[in-house]
Amino acid sequence: MDLMTLSLIAGLSYLIGSIPNGLLLGKWLWNIDLRQFGSKNIGATNAYRVLGPWPALGVFITDAAKGVIGVYIGQVLGNTPLAMLLGGIAAIAGHNWSIFLKFKGGRGVATGLGVIAVLVPKVTIIVFVIWGFIVYISRYVSLASIIAAALVPILMWVFGEKLEFYYFGLLAAAFVIIRHKPNIQRLLKGNELKIKAGTTKQNTEEKKL
């Protein structure tokens, strides 16, 4: 596989990952800029907090789809595990550091989940169940996301997944945890926001922090 093919995979996947779904859906469908409310993040968690469960589901699915598409771009153009991993990593990087948002973006959880859903579906199911359980008992999505991300490479090792995928799991976990640094600081201080569904009918002043 030549350098041009690798560059094409990385570039296309990055651009796909850079599409700010939460921002676009919020503005187009509900005339709300998620960057102005709640945690100011454009991901599914803040969409849930500001807009409610169904808008959040839409953001989650479209963000996860970016990871899926990134992997498939690598598969179609390169047809090797390395190419698939490159597409997935580039999609996550695009989501986290979007060229359309001056290299700002989300936390990479949903997009990363989309990537591992293609690469290691068994691990994905286990991690998603654990994530959901932690959210249910703690109401902290950030805590659940950090723990779930850390479990990905561990479970890949336990199940004997390909070495390339294991290294990707380590890198993806680092991506997610680093992007959650402000959340970790708030968790340690005890002032992290708990998950609570909002509604598009709420007064906007009630959604602001």
N, C-alpha and C. Protein backbone atom coordinates (compact mmCIF):
# COMPACT_ATOMS: atom_id res chain seq x y z
N MET A 1 0.85 -1.19 0.00
CA MET A 1 0.00 0.00 0.00
C MET A 1 0.89 1.25 0.00
N ASP A 2 0.70 2.12 -0.97
CA ASP A 2 1.58 3.27 -1.11
C ASP A 2 1.15 4.45 -0.24
N LEU A 3 2.03 5.42 -0.17
CA LEU A 3 1.80 6.59 0.67
C LEU A 3 0.59 7.39 0.21
N MET A 4 0.36 7.45 -1.08
CA MET A 4 -0.79 8.20 -1.60
C MET A 4 -2.11 7.58 -1.12
N THR A 5 -2.17 6.25 -1.13
CA THR A 5 -3.38 5.58 -0.67
C THR A 5 -3.60 5.82 0.82
N LEU A 6 -2.53 5.72 1.60
CA LEU A 6 -2.63 5.99 3.03
C LEU A 6 -3.09 7.42 3.30
N SER A 7 -2.54 8.35 2.53
CA SER A 7 -2.92 9.76 2.70
C SER A 7 -4.38 9.99 2.33
N LEU A 8 -4.84 9.31 1.28
CA LEU A 8 -6.23 9.44 0.87
C LEU A 8 -7.17 8.88 1.92
N ILE A 9 -6.82 7.73 2.49
CA ILE A 9 -7.64 7.14 3.55
C ILE A 9 -7.71 8.08 4.75
N ALA A 10 -6.55 8.57 5.17
CA ALA A 10 -6.50 9.46 6.33
C ALA A 10 -7.27 10.75 6.07
N GLY A 11 -7.08 11.33 4.89
CA GLY A 11 -7.73 12.60 4.57
C GLY A 11 -9.24 12.49 4.50
N LEU A 12 -9.72 11.49 3.77
CA LEU A 12 -11.17 11.31 3.64
C LEU A 12 -11.82 10.99 4.98
N SER A 13 -11.19 10.11 5.75
CA SER A 13 -11.75 9.72 7.04
C SER A 13 -11.75 10.90 8.01
N TYR A 14 -10.68 11.70 7.96
CA TYR A 14 -10.62 12.88 8.82
C TYR A 14 -11.74 13.86 8.48
N LEU A 15 -11.97 14.08 7.21
CA LEU A 15 -13.03 15.01 6.80
C LEU A 15 -14.41 14.50 7.22
N ILE A 16 -14.63 13.20 7.06
CA ILE A 16 -15.89 12.61 7.51
C ILE A 16 -16.04 12.80 9.01
N GLY A 17 -14.97 12.52 9.75
CA GLY A 17 -15.01 12.67 11.20
C GLY A 17 -15.21 14.11 11.65
N SER A 18 -14.77 15.04 10.82
CA SER A 18 -14.86 16.47 11.18
C SER A 18 -16.26 17.04 11.08
N ILE A 19 -17.17 16.35 10.41
CA ILE A 19 -18.53 16.86 10.27
C ILE A 19 -19.17 17.00 11.65
N PRO A 20 -19.52 18.22 12.08
CA PRO A 20 -20.05 18.44 13.43
C PRO A 20 -21.55 18.12 13.51
N ASN A 21 -21.88 16.86 13.59
CA ASN A 21 -23.29 16.44 13.54
C ASN A 21 -24.15 17.11 14.61
N GLY A 22 -23.65 17.14 15.84
CA GLY A 22 -24.44 17.74 16.92
C GLY A 22 -24.76 19.20 16.65
N LEU A 23 -23.77 19.92 16.17
CA LEU A 23 -23.97 21.34 15.86
C LEU A 23 -24.97 21.51 14.72
N LEU A 24 -24.79 20.73 13.66
CA LEU A 24 -25.67 20.85 12.49
C LEU A 24 -27.10 20.44 12.80
N LEU A 25 -27.27 19.31 13.46
CA LEU A 25 -28.62 18.84 13.79
C LEU A 25 -29.32 19.81 14.74
N GLY A 26 -28.56 20.29 15.73
CA GLY A 26 -29.15 21.24 16.69
C GLY A 26 -29.63 22.50 16.00
N LYS A 27 -28.83 23.02 15.08
CA LYS A 27 -29.19 24.27 14.39
C LYS A 27 -30.29 24.05 13.35
N TRP A 28 -30.16 23.00 12.56
CA TRP A 28 -31.11 22.76 11.47
C TRP A 28 -32.50 22.36 11.98
N LEU A 29 -32.54 21.47 12.95
CA LEU A 29 -33.83 20.91 13.38
C LEU A 29 -34.45 21.63 14.57
N TRP A 30 -33.61 22.19 15.46
CA TRP A 30 -34.18 22.80 16.67
C TRP A 30 -33.75 24.25 16.87
N ASN A 31 -32.97 24.77 15.94
CA ASN A 31 -32.53 26.16 16.00
C ASN A 31 -31.79 26.45 17.31
N ILE A 32 -31.00 25.49 17.76
CA ILE A 32 -30.23 25.64 18.99
C ILE A 32 -28.77 25.28 18.73
N ASP A 33 -27.88 26.15 19.17
CA ASP A 33 -26.45 25.91 19.06
C ASP A 33 -25.98 25.26 20.36
N LEU A 34 -25.64 23.98 20.31
CA LEU A 34 -25.26 23.26 21.52
C LEU A 34 -24.04 23.86 22.20
N ARG A 35 -23.25 24.62 21.46
CA ARG A 35 -22.06 25.23 22.05
C ARG A 35 -22.40 26.34 23.02
N GLN A 36 -23.66 26.75 23.04
CA GLN A 36 -24.08 27.85 23.91
C GLN A 36 -24.76 27.39 25.20
N PHE A 37 -24.98 26.08 25.33
CA PHE A 37 -25.77 25.59 26.46
C PHE A 37 -25.11 24.38 27.11
N GLY A 38 -25.55 24.10 28.35
CA GLY A 38 -25.07 22.93 29.05
C GLY A 38 -23.56 22.93 29.20
N SER A 39 -22.92 21.83 28.78
CA SER A 39 -21.47 21.72 28.88
C SER A 39 -20.77 22.38 27.70
N LYS A 40 -21.52 22.92 26.75
CA LYS A 40 -21.02 23.57 25.54
C LYS A 40 -20.45 22.56 24.53
N ASN A 41 -20.60 21.27 24.79
CA ASN A 41 -20.08 20.24 23.90
C ASN A 41 -21.12 19.91 22.85
N ILE A 42 -20.68 19.45 21.67
CA ILE A 42 -21.63 19.15 20.58
C ILE A 42 -21.96 17.67 20.49
N GLY A 43 -21.54 16.89 21.50
CA GLY A 43 -21.79 15.46 21.49
C GLY A 43 -23.16 15.07 21.98
N ALA A 44 -23.40 13.76 21.99
CA ALA A 44 -24.72 13.22 22.34
C ALA A 44 -25.11 13.52 23.79
N THR A 45 -24.14 13.52 24.70
CA THR A 45 -24.46 13.77 26.12
C THR A 45 -25.05 15.16 26.32
N ASN A 46 -24.40 16.16 25.72
CA ASN A 46 -24.93 17.51 25.88
C ASN A 46 -26.23 17.69 25.10
N ALA A 47 -26.35 16.98 23.96
CA ALA A 47 -27.61 17.02 23.22
C ALA A 47 -28.75 16.46 24.07
N TYR A 48 -28.45 15.40 24.81
CA TYR A 48 -29.45 14.82 25.73
C TYR A 48 -29.83 15.82 26.81
N ARG A 49 -28.81 16.48 27.35
CA ARG A 49 -29.02 17.43 28.44
C ARG A 49 -29.83 18.64 27.96
N VAL A 50 -29.57 19.10 26.75
CA VAL A 50 -30.18 20.33 26.25
C VAL A 50 -31.46 20.07 25.46
N LEU A 51 -31.44 19.06 24.59
CA LEU A 51 -32.54 18.85 23.65
C LEU A 51 -33.46 17.68 24.01
N GLY A 52 -32.92 16.70 24.73
CA GLY A 52 -33.75 15.54 25.07
C GLY A 52 -33.22 14.26 24.46
N PRO A 53 -33.86 13.12 24.78
CA PRO A 53 -33.33 11.81 24.38
C PRO A 53 -33.31 11.54 22.89
N TRP A 54 -34.36 11.89 22.16
CA TRP A 54 -34.40 11.57 20.73
C TRP A 54 -33.38 12.35 19.92
N PRO A 55 -33.25 13.66 20.14
CA PRO A 55 -32.16 14.38 19.46
C PRO A 55 -30.78 13.81 19.81
N ALA A 56 -30.61 13.44 21.09
CA ALA A 56 -29.33 12.87 21.51
C ALA A 56 -29.04 11.57 20.79
N LEU A 57 -30.07 10.76 20.61
CA LEU A 57 -29.90 9.49 19.89
C LEU A 57 -29.47 9.75 18.45
N GLY A 58 -30.06 10.77 17.83
CA GLY A 58 -29.68 11.12 16.46
C GLY A 58 -28.23 11.55 16.38
N VAL A 59 -27.78 12.34 17.35
CA VAL A 59 -26.38 12.77 17.37
C VAL A 59 -25.46 11.58 17.60
N PHE A 60 -25.86 10.70 18.53
CA PHE A 60 -25.04 9.53 18.84
C PHE A 60 -24.87 8.63 17.61
N ILE A 61 -25.97 8.36 16.93
CA ILE A 61 -25.92 7.46 15.77
C ILE A 61 -25.07 8.06 14.65
N THR A 62 -25.26 9.33 14.38
CA THR A 62 -24.50 9.95 13.29
C THR A 62 -23.02 10.09 13.64
N ASP A 63 -22.72 10.33 14.91
CA ASP A 63 -21.31 10.40 15.32
C ASP A 63 -20.66 9.01 15.25
N ALA A 64 -21.39 7.99 15.68
CA ALA A 64 -20.86 6.62 15.59
C ALA A 64 -20.65 6.22 14.13
N ALA A 65 -21.56 6.67 13.27
CA ALA A 65 -21.47 6.34 11.85
C ALA A 65 -20.17 6.86 11.24
N LYS A 66 -19.65 7.97 11.75
CA LYS A 66 -18.40 8.51 11.24
C LYS A 66 -17.25 7.52 11.46
N GLY A 67 -17.25 6.87 12.62
CA GLY A 67 -16.24 5.87 12.89
C GLY A 67 -16.37 4.66 11.98
N VAL A 68 -17.62 4.22 11.78
CA VAL A 68 -17.88 3.08 10.90
C VAL A 68 -17.42 3.40 9.48
N ILE A 69 -17.76 4.58 9.00
CA ILE A 69 -17.38 4.98 7.63
C ILE A 69 -15.87 5.06 7.49
N GLY A 70 -15.20 5.60 8.52
CA GLY A 70 -13.75 5.69 8.47
C GLY A 70 -13.09 4.33 8.29
N VAL A 71 -13.57 3.34 9.05
CA VAL A 71 -13.02 1.99 8.93
C VAL A 71 -13.28 1.41 7.55
N TYR A 72 -14.48 1.62 7.03
CA TYR A 72 -14.82 1.07 5.73
C TYR A 72 -14.07 1.77 4.59
N ILE A 73 -13.77 3.05 4.77
CA ILE A 73 -12.92 3.73 3.78
C ILE A 73 -11.56 3.04 3.71
N GLY A 74 -11.01 2.72 4.89
CA GLY A 74 -9.74 2.01 4.93
C GLY A 74 -9.84 0.62 4.32
N GLN A 75 -10.96 -0.04 4.55
CA GLN A 75 -11.14 -1.38 3.99
C GLN A 75 -11.25 -1.35 2.47
N VAL A 76 -12.02 -0.39 1.96
CA VAL A 76 -12.24 -0.31 0.52
C VAL A 76 -10.97 0.12 -0.22
N LEU A 77 -10.28 1.12 0.31
CA LEU A 77 -9.12 1.66 -0.40
C LEU A 77 -7.83 0.90 -0.12
N GLY A 78 -7.73 0.33 1.08
CA GLY A 78 -6.48 -0.34 1.43
C GLY A 78 -6.60 -1.83 1.64
N ASN A 79 -7.75 -2.25 2.17
CA ASN A 79 -8.06 -3.67 2.38
C ASN A 79 -7.01 -4.39 3.24
N THR A 80 -6.52 -3.69 4.28
CA THR A 80 -5.63 -4.30 5.25
C THR A 80 -6.05 -3.82 6.64
N PRO A 81 -5.70 -4.56 7.69
CA PRO A 81 -6.00 -4.09 9.05
C PRO A 81 -5.43 -2.71 9.33
N LEU A 82 -4.21 -2.45 8.84
CA LEU A 82 -3.58 -1.15 9.05
C LEU A 82 -4.39 -0.03 8.41
N ALA A 83 -4.88 -0.27 7.19
CA ALA A 83 -5.68 0.74 6.50
C ALA A 83 -6.99 1.00 7.24
N MET A 84 -7.61 -0.07 7.74
CA MET A 84 -8.86 0.09 8.48
C MET A 84 -8.64 0.87 9.77
N LEU A 85 -7.53 0.58 10.45
CA LEU A 85 -7.21 1.29 11.68
C LEU A 85 -6.91 2.76 11.40
N LEU A 86 -6.20 3.01 10.33
CA LEU A 86 -5.89 4.39 9.95
C LEU A 86 -7.16 5.17 9.69
N GLY A 87 -8.11 4.57 8.97
CA GLY A 87 -9.38 5.24 8.72
C GLY A 87 -10.13 5.52 10.00
N GLY A 88 -10.14 4.56 10.92
CA GLY A 88 -10.83 4.76 12.20
C GLY A 88 -10.19 5.84 13.04
N ILE A 89 -8.86 5.81 13.14
CA ILE A 89 -8.15 6.82 13.94
C ILE A 89 -8.35 8.21 13.35
N ALA A 90 -8.30 8.31 12.03
CA ALA A 90 -8.48 9.62 11.38
C ALA A 90 -9.89 10.16 11.62
N ALA A 91 -10.89 9.27 11.61
CA ALA A 91 -12.26 9.70 11.87
C ALA A 91 -12.41 10.22 13.29
N ILE A 92 -11.81 9.53 14.25
CA ILE A 92 -11.85 9.99 15.65
C ILE A 92 -11.14 11.33 15.79
N ALA A 93 -9.97 11.44 15.14
CA ALA A 93 -9.23 12.70 15.20
C ALA A 93 -10.05 13.84 14.61
N GLY A 94 -10.74 13.57 13.50
CA GLY A 94 -11.59 14.59 12.90
C GLY A 94 -12.71 15.02 13.82
N HIS A 95 -13.31 14.06 14.52
CA HIS A 95 -14.38 14.40 15.45
C HIS A 95 -13.86 15.23 16.62
N ASN A 96 -12.69 14.86 17.13
CA ASN A 96 -12.13 15.56 18.28
C ASN A 96 -11.54 16.93 17.93
N TRP A 97 -10.96 17.02 16.74
CA TRP A 97 -10.30 18.26 16.32
C TRP A 97 -10.78 18.60 14.91
N SER A 98 -12.02 19.02 14.83
CA SER A 98 -12.67 19.25 13.54
C SER A 98 -12.10 20.47 12.82
N ILE A 99 -11.80 20.28 11.54
CA ILE A 99 -11.33 21.40 10.73
C ILE A 99 -12.42 22.45 10.55
N PHE A 100 -13.68 22.04 10.70
CA PHE A 100 -14.80 22.97 10.53
C PHE A 100 -15.10 23.76 11.81
N LEU A 101 -14.47 23.38 12.92
CA LEU A 101 -14.70 24.06 14.20
C LEU A 101 -13.39 24.61 14.77
N LYS A 102 -12.49 24.99 13.88
CA LYS A 102 -11.19 25.53 14.28
C LYS A 102 -10.44 24.55 15.18
N PHE A 103 -10.52 23.29 14.79
CA PHE A 103 -9.82 22.19 15.45
C PHE A 103 -10.28 21.96 16.89
N LYS A 104 -11.55 22.24 17.12
CA LYS A 104 -12.21 21.86 18.36
C LYS A 104 -13.25 20.80 18.01
N GLY A 105 -13.80 20.16 19.03
CA GLY A 105 -14.80 19.13 18.73
C GLY A 105 -15.28 18.41 19.96
N GLY A 106 -15.67 17.15 19.77
CA GLY A 106 -16.25 16.37 20.85
C GLY A 106 -15.22 15.57 21.61
N ARG A 107 -15.70 14.54 22.31
CA ARG A 107 -14.83 13.71 23.14
C ARG A 107 -14.39 12.43 22.43
N GLY A 108 -15.04 12.08 21.34
CA GLY A 108 -14.63 10.92 20.56
C GLY A 108 -15.23 9.59 20.99
N VAL A 109 -16.15 9.62 21.95
CA VAL A 109 -16.69 8.36 22.48
C VAL A 109 -17.56 7.65 21.45
N ALA A 110 -18.55 8.34 20.91
CA ALA A 110 -19.46 7.70 19.94
C ALA A 110 -18.72 7.30 18.67
N THR A 111 -17.85 8.17 18.18
CA THR A 111 -17.10 7.85 16.96
C THR A 111 -16.17 6.67 17.20
N GLY A 112 -15.52 6.65 18.37
CA GLY A 112 -14.67 5.52 18.72
C GLY A 112 -15.46 4.23 18.84
N LEU A 113 -16.67 4.33 19.37
CA LEU A 113 -17.52 3.15 19.48
C LEU A 113 -17.87 2.61 18.10
N GLY A 114 -18.10 3.52 17.15
CA GLY A 114 -18.38 3.10 15.79
C GLY A 114 -17.21 2.34 15.18
N VAL A 115 -16.00 2.78 15.51
CA VAL A 115 -14.80 2.11 14.99
C VAL A 115 -14.68 0.70 15.56
N ILE A 116 -14.76 0.58 16.88
CA ILE A 116 -14.57 -0.75 17.47
C ILE A 116 -15.75 -1.67 17.19
N ALA A 117 -16.93 -1.08 16.89
CA ALA A 117 -18.08 -1.92 16.53
C ALA A 117 -17.80 -2.72 15.27
N VAL A 118 -17.03 -2.14 14.35
CA VAL A 118 -16.66 -2.84 13.12
C VAL A 118 -15.50 -3.80 13.38
N LEU A 119 -14.51 -3.34 14.12
CA LEU A 119 -13.29 -4.12 14.31
C LEU A 119 -13.47 -5.28 15.29
N VAL A 120 -14.10 -4.99 16.42
CA VAL A 120 -14.21 -6.00 17.49
C VAL A 120 -15.62 -5.94 18.09
N PRO A 121 -16.63 -6.44 17.40
CA PRO A 121 -18.01 -6.32 17.87
C PRO A 121 -18.26 -6.94 19.24
N LYS A 122 -17.58 -8.05 19.56
CA LYS A 122 -17.79 -8.69 20.86
C LYS A 122 -17.36 -7.76 22.00
N VAL A 123 -16.21 -7.14 21.84
CA VAL A 123 -15.71 -6.19 22.84
C VAL A 123 -16.65 -5.00 22.94
N THR A 124 -17.15 -4.54 21.81
CA THR A 124 -18.06 -3.39 21.77
C THR A 124 -19.30 -3.63 22.59
N ILE A 125 -19.89 -4.80 22.45
CA ILE A 125 -21.12 -5.12 23.20
C ILE A 125 -20.86 -5.09 24.70
N ILE A 126 -19.77 -5.71 25.12
CA ILE A 126 -19.45 -5.75 26.55
C ILE A 126 -19.21 -4.35 27.10
N VAL A 127 -18.42 -3.57 26.38
CA VAL A 127 -18.10 -2.21 26.81
C VAL A 127 -19.35 -1.35 26.88
N PHE A 128 -20.22 -1.50 25.88
CA PHE A 128 -21.44 -0.69 25.85
C PHE A 128 -22.35 -1.03 27.03
N VAL A 129 -22.46 -2.30 27.38
CA VAL A 129 -23.28 -2.71 28.52
C VAL A 129 -22.71 -2.14 29.81
N ILE A 130 -21.39 -2.22 29.97
CA ILE A 130 -20.75 -1.68 31.17
C ILE A 130 -20.95 -0.17 31.24
N TRP A 131 -20.77 0.49 30.10
CA TRP A 131 -20.99 1.94 30.04
C TRP A 131 -22.41 2.30 30.49
N GLY A 132 -23.39 1.59 29.95
CA GLY A 132 -24.78 1.86 30.30
C GLY A 132 -25.06 1.64 31.77
N PHE A 133 -24.46 0.58 32.34
CA PHE A 133 -24.67 0.28 33.76
C PHE A 133 -24.09 1.39 34.64
N ILE A 134 -22.89 1.85 34.30
CA ILE A 134 -22.27 2.91 35.10
C ILE A 134 -23.06 4.21 35.01
N VAL A 135 -23.55 4.53 33.81
CA VAL A 135 -24.38 5.73 33.66
C VAL A 135 -25.64 5.60 34.51
N TYR A 136 -26.24 4.42 34.50
CA TYR A 136 -27.50 4.20 35.24
C TYR A 136 -27.31 4.39 36.75
N ILE A 137 -26.22 3.86 37.28
CA ILE A 137 -26.05 3.92 38.74
C ILE A 137 -25.41 5.23 39.21
N SER A 138 -24.62 5.87 38.36
CA SER A 138 -23.91 7.07 38.80
C SER A 138 -24.47 8.36 38.23
N ARG A 139 -25.11 8.27 37.06
CA ARG A 139 -25.61 9.42 36.30
C ARG A 139 -24.48 10.29 35.76
N TYR A 140 -23.26 9.77 35.75
CA TYR A 140 -22.12 10.49 35.19
C TYR A 140 -21.72 9.82 33.87
N VAL A 141 -22.03 10.45 32.75
CA VAL A 141 -21.65 9.90 31.46
C VAL A 141 -20.14 9.94 31.28
N SER A 142 -19.52 11.00 31.76
CA SER A 142 -18.07 11.14 31.62
C SER A 142 -17.34 10.00 32.33
N LEU A 143 -17.76 9.69 33.54
CA LEU A 143 -17.14 8.60 34.30
C LEU A 143 -17.30 7.27 33.56
N ALA A 144 -18.49 7.03 33.06
CA ALA A 144 -18.75 5.79 32.31
C ALA A 144 -17.90 5.73 31.06
N SER A 145 -17.75 6.84 30.37
CA SER A 145 -16.97 6.87 29.13
C SER A 145 -15.50 6.62 29.39
N ILE A 146 -14.97 7.19 30.46
CA ILE A 146 -13.56 7.01 30.81
C ILE A 146 -13.29 5.55 31.15
N ILE A 147 -14.15 4.96 31.98
CA ILE A 147 -13.96 3.56 32.37
C ILE A 147 -14.12 2.64 31.16
N ALA A 148 -15.12 2.90 30.34
CA ALA A 148 -15.35 2.07 29.15
C ALA A 148 -14.17 2.14 28.20
N ALA A 149 -13.64 3.34 28.01
CA ALA A 149 -12.49 3.50 27.12
C ALA A 149 -11.28 2.72 27.63
N ALA A 150 -11.05 2.78 28.94
CA ALA A 150 -9.92 2.06 29.53
C ALA A 150 -10.08 0.54 29.40
N LEU A 151 -11.32 0.08 29.39
CA LEU A 151 -11.58 -1.36 29.30
C LEU A 151 -11.36 -1.91 27.89
N VAL A 152 -11.44 -1.06 26.88
CA VAL A 152 -11.34 -1.55 25.50
C VAL A 152 -10.05 -2.31 25.25
N PRO A 153 -8.86 -1.72 25.49
CA PRO A 153 -7.64 -2.49 25.24
C PRO A 153 -7.50 -3.70 26.15
N ILE A 154 -8.00 -3.59 27.38
CA ILE A 154 -7.92 -4.72 28.31
C ILE A 154 -8.72 -5.90 27.77
N LEU A 155 -9.93 -5.64 27.32
CA LEU A 155 -10.77 -6.71 26.78
C LEU A 155 -10.22 -7.24 25.47
N MET A 156 -9.63 -6.38 24.66
CA MET A 156 -8.99 -6.85 23.42
C MET A 156 -7.88 -7.84 23.74
N TRP A 157 -7.11 -7.55 24.77
CA TRP A 157 -6.03 -8.45 25.19
C TRP A 157 -6.60 -9.76 25.72
N VAL A 158 -7.65 -9.66 26.54
CA VAL A 158 -8.28 -10.85 27.11
C VAL A 158 -8.80 -11.78 26.01
N PHE A 159 -9.42 -11.20 24.98
CA PHE A 159 -10.01 -12.01 23.91
C PHE A 159 -9.02 -12.34 22.80
N GLY A 160 -7.78 -11.91 22.96
CA GLY A 160 -6.76 -12.27 21.98
C GLY A 160 -6.99 -11.67 20.60
N GLU A 161 -7.43 -10.42 20.56
CA GLU A 161 -7.64 -9.77 19.27
C GLU A 161 -6.31 -9.49 18.59
N LYS A 162 -6.37 -9.14 17.32
CA LYS A 162 -5.17 -8.86 16.55
C LYS A 162 -4.33 -7.80 17.26
N LEU A 163 -3.02 -7.95 17.17
CA LEU A 163 -2.11 -7.02 17.83
C LEU A 163 -2.33 -5.59 17.37
N GLU A 164 -2.61 -5.42 16.07
CA GLU A 164 -2.86 -4.07 15.55
C GLU A 164 -4.09 -3.45 16.22
N PHE A 165 -5.12 -4.27 16.42
CA PHE A 165 -6.33 -3.77 17.05
C PHE A 165 -6.08 -3.43 18.52
N TYR A 166 -5.25 -4.24 19.18
CA TYR A 166 -4.93 -3.98 20.58
C TYR A 166 -4.23 -2.63 20.72
N TYR A 167 -3.26 -2.36 19.85
CA TYR A 167 -2.56 -1.08 19.89
C TYR A 167 -3.52 0.07 19.59
N PHE A 168 -4.45 -0.18 18.66
CA PHE A 168 -5.45 0.84 18.40
C PHE A 168 -6.29 1.10 19.65
N GLY A 169 -6.67 0.02 20.35
CA GLY A 169 -7.45 0.18 21.58
C GLY A 169 -6.74 1.05 22.59
N LEU A 170 -5.43 0.86 22.71
CA LEU A 170 -4.65 1.70 23.63
C LEU A 170 -4.68 3.16 23.19
N LEU A 171 -4.49 3.38 21.89
CA LEU A 171 -4.48 4.75 21.37
C LEU A 171 -5.86 5.40 21.51
N ALA A 172 -6.91 4.65 21.17
CA ALA A 172 -8.27 5.20 21.27
C ALA A 172 -8.62 5.53 22.72
N ALA A 173 -8.22 4.65 23.64
CA ALA A 173 -8.48 4.90 25.06
C ALA A 173 -7.78 6.17 25.51
N ALA A 174 -6.54 6.35 25.05
CA ALA A 174 -5.80 7.56 25.40
C ALA A 174 -6.49 8.80 24.84
N PHE A 175 -6.98 8.71 23.59
CA PHE A 175 -7.72 9.81 22.97
C PHE A 175 -8.88 10.24 23.87
N VAL A 176 -9.69 9.26 24.23
CA VAL A 176 -10.92 9.54 24.99
C VAL A 176 -10.59 10.10 26.37
N ILE A 177 -9.65 9.48 27.06
CA ILE A 177 -9.33 9.91 28.42
C ILE A 177 -8.73 11.31 28.42
N ILE A 178 -7.83 11.59 27.49
CA ILE A 178 -7.23 12.92 27.41
C ILE A 178 -8.30 13.98 27.12
N ARG A 179 -9.24 13.64 26.23
CA ARG A 179 -10.30 14.59 25.89
C ARG A 179 -11.25 14.81 27.08
N HIS A 180 -11.23 13.91 28.04
CA HIS A 180 -12.09 14.05 29.22
C HIS A 180 -11.34 14.69 30.41
N LYS A 181 -10.19 15.27 30.15
CA LYS A 181 -9.43 15.87 31.25
C LYS A 181 -10.24 16.88 32.06
N PRO A 182 -10.99 17.81 31.42
CA PRO A 182 -11.80 18.74 32.22
C PRO A 182 -12.85 18.01 33.06
N ASN A 183 -13.44 16.94 32.49
CA ASN A 183 -14.43 16.17 33.23
C ASN A 183 -13.81 15.47 34.43
N ILE A 184 -12.59 14.95 34.25
CA ILE A 184 -11.89 14.29 35.35
C ILE A 184 -11.65 15.28 36.48
N GLN A 185 -11.25 16.49 36.13
CA GLN A 185 -11.01 17.52 37.14
C GLN A 185 -12.30 17.85 37.89
N ARG A 186 -13.42 17.94 37.15
CA ARG A 186 -14.70 18.23 37.81
C ARG A 186 -15.17 17.06 38.66
N LEU A 187 -14.91 15.84 38.20
CA LEU A 187 -15.28 14.66 39.00
C LEU A 187 -14.53 14.66 40.33
N LEU A 188 -13.25 14.98 40.28
CA LEU A 188 -12.43 15.00 41.49
C LEU A 188 -12.88 16.10 42.45
N LYS A 189 -13.37 17.20 41.89
CA LYS A 189 -13.85 18.31 42.72
C LYS A 189 -15.29 18.12 43.16
N GLY A 190 -15.98 17.15 42.56
CA GLY A 190 -17.37 16.88 42.93
C GLY A 190 -18.39 17.79 42.29
N ASN A 191 -18.02 18.49 41.21
CA ASN A 191 -18.97 19.39 40.56
C ASN A 191 -19.22 19.04 39.09
N GLU A 192 -19.00 17.77 38.73
CA GLU A 192 -19.31 17.32 37.38
C GLU A 192 -20.83 17.25 37.20
N LEU A 193 -21.29 17.59 36.00
CA LEU A 193 -22.72 17.56 35.72
C LEU A 193 -23.22 16.12 35.59
N LYS A 194 -24.32 15.83 36.25
CA LYS A 194 -24.96 14.53 36.07
C LYS A 194 -25.91 14.61 34.88
N ILE A 195 -26.16 13.46 34.28
CA ILE A 195 -27.01 13.43 33.09
C ILE A 195 -28.47 13.64 33.48
N LYS A 196 -29.10 14.52 32.72
CA LYS A 196 -30.52 14.80 32.93
C LYS A 196 -31.09 15.29 31.62
N ALA A 197 -32.16 14.67 31.19
CA ALA A 197 -32.72 15.02 29.88
C ALA A 197 -33.31 16.41 29.88
N GLY A 198 -33.04 17.15 28.81
CA GLY A 198 -33.66 18.45 28.62
C GLY A 198 -34.77 18.35 27.61
N THR A 199 -35.25 19.48 27.15
CA THR A 199 -36.29 19.52 26.14
C THR A 199 -36.15 20.78 25.33
N THR A 200 -36.45 20.74 24.09
CA THR A 200 -36.34 21.91 23.24
C THR A 200 -37.34 22.99 23.63
N LYS A 201 -38.32 22.68 24.45
CA LYS A 201 -39.32 23.65 24.85
C LYS A 201 -38.91 24.43 26.10
N GLN A 202 -37.81 24.01 26.74
CA GLN A 202 -37.37 24.71 27.93
C GLN A 202 -36.91 26.12 27.58
N ASN A 203 -37.03 27.01 28.53
CA ASN A 203 -36.47 28.35 28.35
C ASN A 203 -34.96 28.24 28.25
N THR A 204 -34.36 28.92 27.28
CA THR A 204 -32.92 28.77 27.06
C THR A 204 -32.10 29.20 28.28
N GLU A 205 -32.64 30.10 29.05
CA GLU A 205 -31.90 30.54 30.22
C GLU A 205 -31.76 29.42 31.24
N GLU A 206 -32.70 28.47 31.25
CA GLU A 206 -32.64 27.36 32.19
C GLU A 206 -31.58 26.36 31.79
N LYS A 207 -31.15 26.41 30.52
CA LYS A 207 -30.17 25.44 30.05
C LYS A 207 -28.75 25.95 30.23
N LYS A 208 -28.59 27.22 30.39
CA LYS A 208 -27.25 27.77 30.52
C LYS A 208 -26.69 27.46 31.90
N LEU A 209 -25.39 27.31 31.94
CA LEU A 209 -24.73 27.07 33.23
C LEU A 209 -24.47 28.39 33.94
